[in-house]
Amino acid sequence: MGESKRRKQSLGDRYGQDQRVVEWLPLTKKQAEDFYKWTTKGAWIGIGVMAGLWVTVRFIGPTFGWWTVQ
């Protein structure tokens, strides 16, 4: 008997369904991977926005302030 048949017999009705990360949590491994990808992408976007804001405040802001003082 092959490994696939043994696995099918041991899992029964759950054969072919996505595995859960934790048995009591209704979250599949695929959903966890998708969540990880989205949060990683969001973190990099946040880092980019923060760097752009820092450049604006640090360099561009003082330039406009210098024009108004004179």
PDB file of N, CA and C in Angstrom:
ATOM      1  N   MET A   1       0.857  -1.173   0.000  1.00  0.00           N
ATOM      2  CA  MET A   1       0.000   0.000   0.000  1.00  0.00           C
ATOM      3  C   MET A   1       0.902   1.234   0.000  1.00  0.00           C
ATOM      4  N   GLY A   2       0.576   2.204  -0.829  1.00  0.00           N
ATOM      5  CA  GLY A   2       1.388   3.407  -0.932  1.00  0.00           C
ATOM      6  C   GLY A   2       1.096   4.401   0.182  1.00  0.00           C
ATOM      7  N   GLU A   3       1.974   5.357   0.306  1.00  0.00           N
ATOM      8  CA  GLU A   3       1.847   6.372   1.352  1.00  0.00           C
ATOM      9  C   GLU A   3       0.562   7.173   1.184  1.00  0.00           C
ATOM     10  N   SER A   4       0.178   7.474  -0.047  1.00  0.00           N
ATOM     11  CA  SER A   4      -1.029   8.263  -0.293  1.00  0.00           C
ATOM     12  C   SER A   4      -2.281   7.530   0.211  1.00  0.00           C
ATOM     13  N   LYS A   5      -2.338   6.233  -0.026  1.00  0.00           N
ATOM     14  CA  LYS A   5      -3.509   5.462   0.430  1.00  0.00           C
ATOM     15  C   LYS A   5      -3.546   5.382   1.948  1.00  0.00           C
ATOM     16  N   ARG A   6      -2.376   5.214   2.573  1.00  0.00           N
ATOM     17  CA  ARG A   6      -2.321   5.182   4.037  1.00  0.00           C
ATOM     18  C   ARG A   6      -2.792   6.517   4.620  1.00  0.00           C
ATOM     19  N   ARG A   7      -2.324   7.602   4.023  1.00  0.00           N
ATOM     20  CA  ARG A   7      -2.720   8.924   4.499  1.00  0.00           C
ATOM     21  C   ARG A   7      -4.216   9.137   4.314  1.00  0.00           C
ATOM     22  N   LYS A   8      -4.752   8.682   3.193  1.00  0.00           N
ATOM     23  CA  LYS A   8      -6.185   8.831   2.929  1.00  0.00           C
ATOM     24  C   LYS A   8      -7.005   8.035   3.941  1.00  0.00           C
ATOM     25  N   GLN A   9      -6.567   6.850   4.289  1.00  0.00           N
ATOM     26  CA  GLN A   9      -7.285   6.055   5.278  1.00  0.00           C
ATOM     27  C   GLN A   9      -7.202   6.670   6.663  1.00  0.00           C
ATOM     28  N   SER A  10      -6.029   7.202   7.019  1.00  0.00           N
ATOM     29  CA  SER A  10      -5.875   7.763   8.370  1.00  0.00           C
ATOM     30  C   SER A  10      -6.628   9.085   8.530  1.00  0.00           C
ATOM     31  N   LEU A  11      -6.679   9.898   7.484  1.00  0.00           N
ATOM     32  CA  LEU A  11      -7.354  11.193   7.586  1.00  0.00           C
ATOM     33  C   LEU A  11      -8.868  11.096   7.376  1.00  0.00           C
ATOM     34  N   GLY A  12      -9.297  10.163   6.589  1.00  0.00           N
ATOM     35  CA  GLY A  12     -10.731   9.984   6.370  1.00  0.00           C
ATOM     36  C   GLY A  12     -11.348  11.153   5.622  1.00  0.00           C
ATOM     37  N   ASP A  13     -12.336  11.818   6.227  1.00  0.00           N
ATOM     38  CA  ASP A  13     -13.050  12.923   5.569  1.00  0.00           C
ATOM     39  C   ASP A  13     -12.193  14.170   5.412  1.00  0.00           C
ATOM     40  N   ARG A  14     -11.170  14.292   6.208  1.00  0.00           N
ATOM     41  CA  ARG A  14     -10.323  15.491   6.149  1.00  0.00           C
ATOM     42  C   ARG A  14      -9.268  15.407   5.044  1.00  0.00           C
ATOM     43  N   TYR A  15      -9.209  14.297   4.299  1.00  0.00           N
ATOM     44  CA  TYR A  15      -8.211  14.112   3.249  1.00  0.00           C
ATOM     45  C   TYR A  15      -8.427  15.129   2.126  1.00  0.00           C
ATOM     46  N   GLY A  16      -7.374  15.826   1.744  1.00  0.00           N
ATOM     47  CA  GLY A  16      -7.446  16.801   0.657  1.00  0.00           C
ATOM     48  C   GLY A  16      -7.816  18.202   1.106  1.00  0.00           C
ATOM     49  N   GLN A  17      -8.181  18.389   2.354  1.00  0.00           N
ATOM     50  CA  GLN A  17      -8.517  19.716   2.858  1.00  0.00           C
ATOM     51  C   GLN A  17      -7.255  20.395   3.375  1.00  0.00           C
ATOM     52  N   ASP A  18      -7.290  21.718   3.424  1.00  0.00           N
ATOM     53  CA  ASP A  18      -6.148  22.465   3.935  1.00  0.00           C
ATOM     54  C   ASP A  18      -5.929  22.149   5.410  1.00  0.00           C
ATOM     55  N   GLN A  19      -4.666  22.086   5.784  1.00  0.00           N
ATOM     56  CA  GLN A  19      -4.339  21.839   7.189  1.00  0.00           C
ATOM     57  C   GLN A  19      -4.451  23.138   7.963  1.00  0.00           C
ATOM     58  N   ARG A  20      -4.820  23.008   9.221  1.00  0.00           N
ATOM     59  CA  ARG A  20      -4.923  24.185  10.081  1.00  0.00           C
ATOM     60  C   ARG A  20      -3.601  24.434  10.785  1.00  0.00           C
ATOM     61  N   VAL A  21      -3.367  25.698  11.099  1.00  0.00           N
ATOM     62  CA  VAL A  21      -2.154  26.056  11.826  1.00  0.00           C
ATOM     63  C   VAL A  21      -2.209  25.455  13.215  1.00  0.00           C
ATOM     64  N   VAL A  22      -3.293  25.704  13.924  1.00  0.00           N
ATOM     65  CA  VAL A  22      -3.560  25.123  15.229  1.00  0.00           C
ATOM     66  C   VAL A  22      -4.947  24.489  15.124  1.00  0.00           C
ATOM     67  N   GLU A  23      -5.117  23.322  15.683  1.00  0.00           N
ATOM     68  CA  GLU A  23      -6.364  22.565  15.501  1.00  0.00           C
ATOM     69  C   GLU A  23      -7.599  23.335  15.959  1.00  0.00           C
ATOM     70  N   TRP A  24      -7.512  24.083  17.052  1.00  0.00           N
ATOM     71  CA  TRP A  24      -8.675  24.777  17.592  1.00  0.00           C
ATOM     72  C   TRP A  24      -8.917  26.140  16.951  1.00  0.00           C
ATOM     73  N   LEU A  25      -7.991  26.606  16.103  1.00  0.00           N
ATOM     74  CA  LEU A  25      -8.108  27.905  15.450  1.00  0.00           C
ATOM     75  C   LEU A  25      -8.530  27.708  13.992  1.00  0.00           C
ATOM     76  N   PRO A  26      -9.621  28.324  13.563  1.00  0.00           N
ATOM     77  CA  PRO A  26     -10.076  28.111  12.177  1.00  0.00           C
ATOM     78  C   PRO A  26      -9.255  28.924  11.175  1.00  0.00           C
ATOM     79  N   LEU A  27      -7.958  28.645  11.112  1.00  0.00           N
ATOM     80  CA  LEU A  27      -7.047  29.357  10.232  1.00  0.00           C
ATOM     81  C   LEU A  27      -6.175  28.325   9.531  1.00  0.00           C
ATOM     82  N   THR A  28      -6.256  28.294   8.202  1.00  0.00           N
ATOM     83  CA  THR A  28      -5.479  27.312   7.456  1.00  0.00           C
ATOM     84  C   THR A  28      -4.067  27.848   7.216  1.00  0.00           C
ATOM     85  N   LYS A  29      -3.189  26.953   6.826  1.00  0.00           N
ATOM     86  CA  LYS A  29      -1.806  27.350   6.556  1.00  0.00           C
ATOM     87  C   LYS A  29      -1.743  28.323   5.386  1.00  0.00           C
ATOM     88  N   LYS A  30      -2.578  28.136   4.385  1.00  0.00           N
ATOM     89  CA  LYS A  30      -2.611  29.048   3.234  1.00  0.00           C
ATOM     90  C   LYS A  30      -3.039  30.447   3.672  1.00  0.00           C
ATOM     91  N   GLN A  31      -4.048  30.536   4.539  1.00  0.00           N
ATOM     92  CA  GLN A  31      -4.486  31.836   5.041  1.00  0.00           C
ATOM     93  C   GLN A  31      -3.397  32.502   5.864  1.00  0.00           C
ATOM     94  N   ALA A  32      -2.662  31.722   6.640  1.00  0.00           N
ATOM     95  CA  ALA A  32      -1.568  32.267   7.440  1.00  0.00           C
ATOM     96  C   ALA A  32      -0.451  32.795   6.539  1.00  0.00           C
ATOM     97  N   GLU A  33      -0.139  32.083   5.469  1.00  0.00           N
ATOM     98  CA  GLU A  33       0.876  32.541   4.523  1.00  0.00           C
ATOM     99  C   GLU A  33       0.437  33.830   3.832  1.00  0.00           C
ATOM    100  N   ASP A  34      -0.827  33.900   3.425  1.00  0.00           N
ATOM    101  CA  ASP A  34      -1.344  35.110   2.787  1.00  0.00           C
ATOM    102  C   ASP A  34      -1.298  36.295   3.740  1.00  0.00           C
ATOM    103  N   PHE A  35      -1.657  36.071   5.004  1.00  0.00           N
ATOM    104  CA  PHE A  35      -1.603  37.128   6.004  1.00  0.00           C
ATOM    105  C   PHE A  35      -0.178  37.612   6.189  1.00  0.00           C
ATOM    106  N   TYR A  36       0.781  36.709   6.216  1.00  0.00           N
ATOM    107  CA  TYR A  36       2.190  37.060   6.363  1.00  0.00           C
ATOM    108  C   TYR A  36       2.658  37.907   5.178  1.00  0.00           C
ATOM    109  N   LYS A  37       2.252  37.530   3.965  1.00  0.00           N
ATOM    110  CA  LYS A  37       2.646  38.289   2.773  1.00  0.00           C
ATOM    111  C   LYS A  37       2.074  39.700   2.811  1.00  0.00           C
ATOM    112  N   TRP A  38       0.798  39.833   3.167  1.00  0.00           N
ATOM    113  CA  TRP A  38       0.156  41.160   3.228  1.00  0.00           C
ATOM    114  C   TRP A  38       0.798  42.040   4.293  1.00  0.00           C
ATOM    115  N   THR A  39       1.056  41.485   5.468  1.00  0.00           N
ATOM    116  CA  THR A  39       1.635  42.302   6.540  1.00  0.00           C
ATOM    117  C   THR A  39       3.066  42.704   6.218  1.00  0.00           C
ATOM    118  N   THR A  40       3.822  41.828   5.558  1.00  0.00           N
ATOM    119  CA  THR A  40       5.182  42.168   5.161  1.00  0.00           C
ATOM    120  C   THR A  40       5.167  43.297   4.139  1.00  0.00           C
ATOM    121  N   LYS A  41       4.285  43.192   3.154  1.00  0.00           N
ATOM    122  CA  LYS A  41       4.172  44.242   2.147  1.00  0.00           C
ATOM    123  C   LYS A  41       3.729  45.561   2.790  1.00  0.00           C
ATOM    124  N   GLY A  42       2.791  45.499   3.707  1.00  0.00           N
ATOM    125  CA  GLY A  42       2.328  46.702   4.396  1.00  0.00           C
ATOM    126  C   GLY A  42       3.419  47.337   5.233  1.00  0.00           C
ATOM    127  N   ALA A  43       4.258  46.510   5.857  1.00  0.00           N
ATOM    128  CA  ALA A  43       5.356  47.041   6.657  1.00  0.00           C
ATOM    129  C   ALA A  43       6.357  47.782   5.771  1.00  0.00           C
ATOM    130  N   TRP A  44       6.679  47.232   4.604  1.00  0.00           N
ATOM    131  CA  TRP A  44       7.616  47.904   3.706  1.00  0.00           C
ATOM    132  C   TRP A  44       7.025  49.198   3.160  1.00  0.00           C
ATOM    133  N   ILE A  45       5.742  49.207   2.884  1.00  0.00           N
ATOM    134  CA  ILE A  45       5.089  50.439   2.439  1.00  0.00           C
ATOM    135  C   ILE A  45       5.157  51.483   3.548  1.00  0.00           C
ATOM    136  N   GLY A  46       4.902  51.064   4.788  1.00  0.00           N
ATOM    137  CA  GLY A  46       4.990  51.977   5.924  1.00  0.00           C
ATOM    138  C   GLY A  46       6.390  52.531   6.105  1.00  0.00           C
ATOM    139  N   ILE A  47       7.401  51.695   5.918  1.00  0.00           N
ATOM    140  CA  ILE A  47       8.791  52.159   6.026  1.00  0.00           C
ATOM    141  C   ILE A  47       9.087  53.192   4.947  1.00  0.00           C
ATOM    142  N   GLY A  48       8.611  52.947   3.733  1.00  0.00           N
ATOM    143  CA  GLY A  48       8.821  53.900   2.647  1.00  0.00           C
ATOM    144  C   GLY A  48       8.139  55.228   2.898  1.00  0.00           C
ATOM    145  N   VAL A  49       6.896  55.180   3.400  1.00  0.00           N
ATOM    146  CA  VAL A  49       6.168  56.414   3.718  1.00  0.00           C
ATOM    147  C   VAL A  49       6.883  57.181   4.825  1.00  0.00           C
ATOM    148  N   MET A  50       7.343  56.460   5.840  1.00  0.00           N
ATOM    149  CA  MET A  50       8.041  57.110   6.938  1.00  0.00           C
ATOM    150  C   MET A  50       9.348  57.744   6.465  1.00  0.00           C
ATOM    151  N   ALA A  51      10.078  57.089   5.582  1.00  0.00           N
ATOM    152  CA  ALA A  51      11.318  57.660   5.048  1.00  0.00           C
ATOM    153  C   ALA A  51      11.016  58.897   4.215  1.00  0.00           C
ATOM    154  N   GLY A  52       9.954  58.847   3.406  1.00  0.00           N
ATOM    155  CA  GLY A  52       9.569  60.018   2.625  1.00  0.00           C
ATOM    156  C   GLY A  52       9.159  61.184   3.503  1.00  0.00           C
ATOM    157  N   LEU A  53       8.429  60.903   4.562  1.00  0.00           N
ATOM    158  CA  LEU A  53       8.024  61.949   5.500  1.00  0.00           C
ATOM    159  C   LEU A  53       9.243  62.532   6.213  1.00  0.00           C
ATOM    160  N   TRP A  54      10.197  61.678   6.568  1.00  0.00           N
ATOM    161  CA  TRP A  54      11.401  62.156   7.227  1.00  0.00           C
ATOM    162  C   TRP A  54      12.190  63.091   6.310  1.00  0.00           C
ATOM    163  N   VAL A  55      12.338  62.707   5.036  1.00  0.00           N
ATOM    164  CA  VAL A  55      13.045  63.562   4.078  1.00  0.00           C
ATOM    165  C   VAL A  55      12.326  64.896   3.944  1.00  0.00           C
ATOM    166  N   THR A  56      11.003  64.873   3.886  1.00  0.00           N
ATOM    167  CA  THR A  56      10.231  66.105   3.762  1.00  0.00           C
ATOM    168  C   THR A  56      10.440  67.002   4.974  1.00  0.00           C
ATOM    169  N   VAL A  57      10.319  66.457   6.148  1.00  0.00           N
ATOM    170  CA  VAL A  57      10.446  67.258   7.365  1.00  0.00           C
ATOM    171  C   VAL A  57      11.887  67.723   7.566  1.00  0.00           C
ATOM    172  N   ARG A  58      12.845  66.853   7.282  1.00  0.00           N
ATOM    173  CA  ARG A  58      14.253  67.161   7.569  1.00  0.00           C
ATOM    174  C   ARG A  58      14.865  68.130   6.581  1.00  0.00           C
ATOM    175  N   PHE A  59      14.569  67.977   5.291  1.00  0.00           N
ATOM    176  CA  PHE A  59      15.247  68.781   4.280  1.00  0.00           C
ATOM    177  C   PHE A  59      14.345  69.812   3.610  1.00  0.00           C
ATOM    178  N   ILE A  60      13.165  69.419   3.217  1.00  0.00           N
ATOM    179  CA  ILE A  60      12.286  70.325   2.477  1.00  0.00           C
ATOM    180  C   ILE A  60      11.644  71.346   3.410  1.00  0.00           C
ATOM    181  N   GLY A  61      11.240  70.924   4.588  1.00  0.00           N
ATOM    182  CA  GLY A  61      10.604  71.831   5.546  1.00  0.00           C
ATOM    183  C   GLY A  61      11.474  73.011   5.928  1.00  0.00           C
ATOM    184  N   PRO A  62      12.722  72.796   6.328  1.00  0.00           N
ATOM    185  CA  PRO A  62      13.586  73.928   6.668  1.00  0.00           C
ATOM    186  C   PRO A  62      13.830  74.882   5.494  1.00  0.00           C
ATOM    187  N   THR A  63      13.829  74.369   4.282  1.00  0.00           N
ATOM    188  CA  THR A  63      14.013  75.231   3.116  1.00  0.00           C
ATOM    189  C   THR A  63      12.873  76.225   3.008  1.00  0.00           C
ATOM    190  N   PHE A  64      11.655  75.793   3.171  1.00  0.00           N
ATOM    191  CA  PHE A  64      10.504  76.698   3.134  1.00  0.00           C
ATOM    192  C   PHE A  64      10.501  77.641   4.336  1.00  0.00           C
ATOM    193  N   GLY A  65      10.959  77.198   5.468  1.00  0.00           N
ATOM    194  CA  GLY A  65      11.049  78.045   6.636  1.00  0.00           C
ATOM    195  C   GLY A  65      12.080  79.149   6.471  1.00  0.00           C
ATOM    196  N   TRP A  66      13.149  78.873   5.771  1.00  0.00           N
ATOM    197  CA  TRP A  66      14.208  79.852   5.528  1.00  0.00           C
ATOM    198  C   TRP A  66      13.685  80.994   4.652  1.00  0.00           C
ATOM    199  N   TRP A  67      12.795  80.677   3.680  1.00  0.00           N
ATOM    200  CA  TRP A  67      12.240  81.711   2.797  1.00  0.00           C
ATOM    201  C   TRP A  67      11.332  82.664   3.554  1.00  0.00           C
ATOM    202  N   THR A  68      10.613  82.175   4.518  1.00  0.00           N
ATOM    203  CA  THR A  68       9.647  83.030   5.210  1.00  0.00           C
ATOM    204  C   THR A  68      10.305  83.909   6.249  1.00  0.00           C
ATOM    205  N   VAL A  69      11.478  83.543   6.758  1.00  0.00           N
ATOM    206  CA  VAL A  69      12.145  84.325   7.805  1.00  0.00           C
ATOM    207  C   VAL A  69      12.774  85.583   7.217  1.00  0.00           C
ATOM    208  N   GLN A  70      13.337  85.500   6.031  1.00  0.00           N
ATOM    209  CA  GLN A  70      14.059  86.649   5.461  1.00  0.00           C
ATOM    210  C   GLN A  70      13.160  87.696   4.900  1.00  0.00           C
TER     211      GLN A  70
END
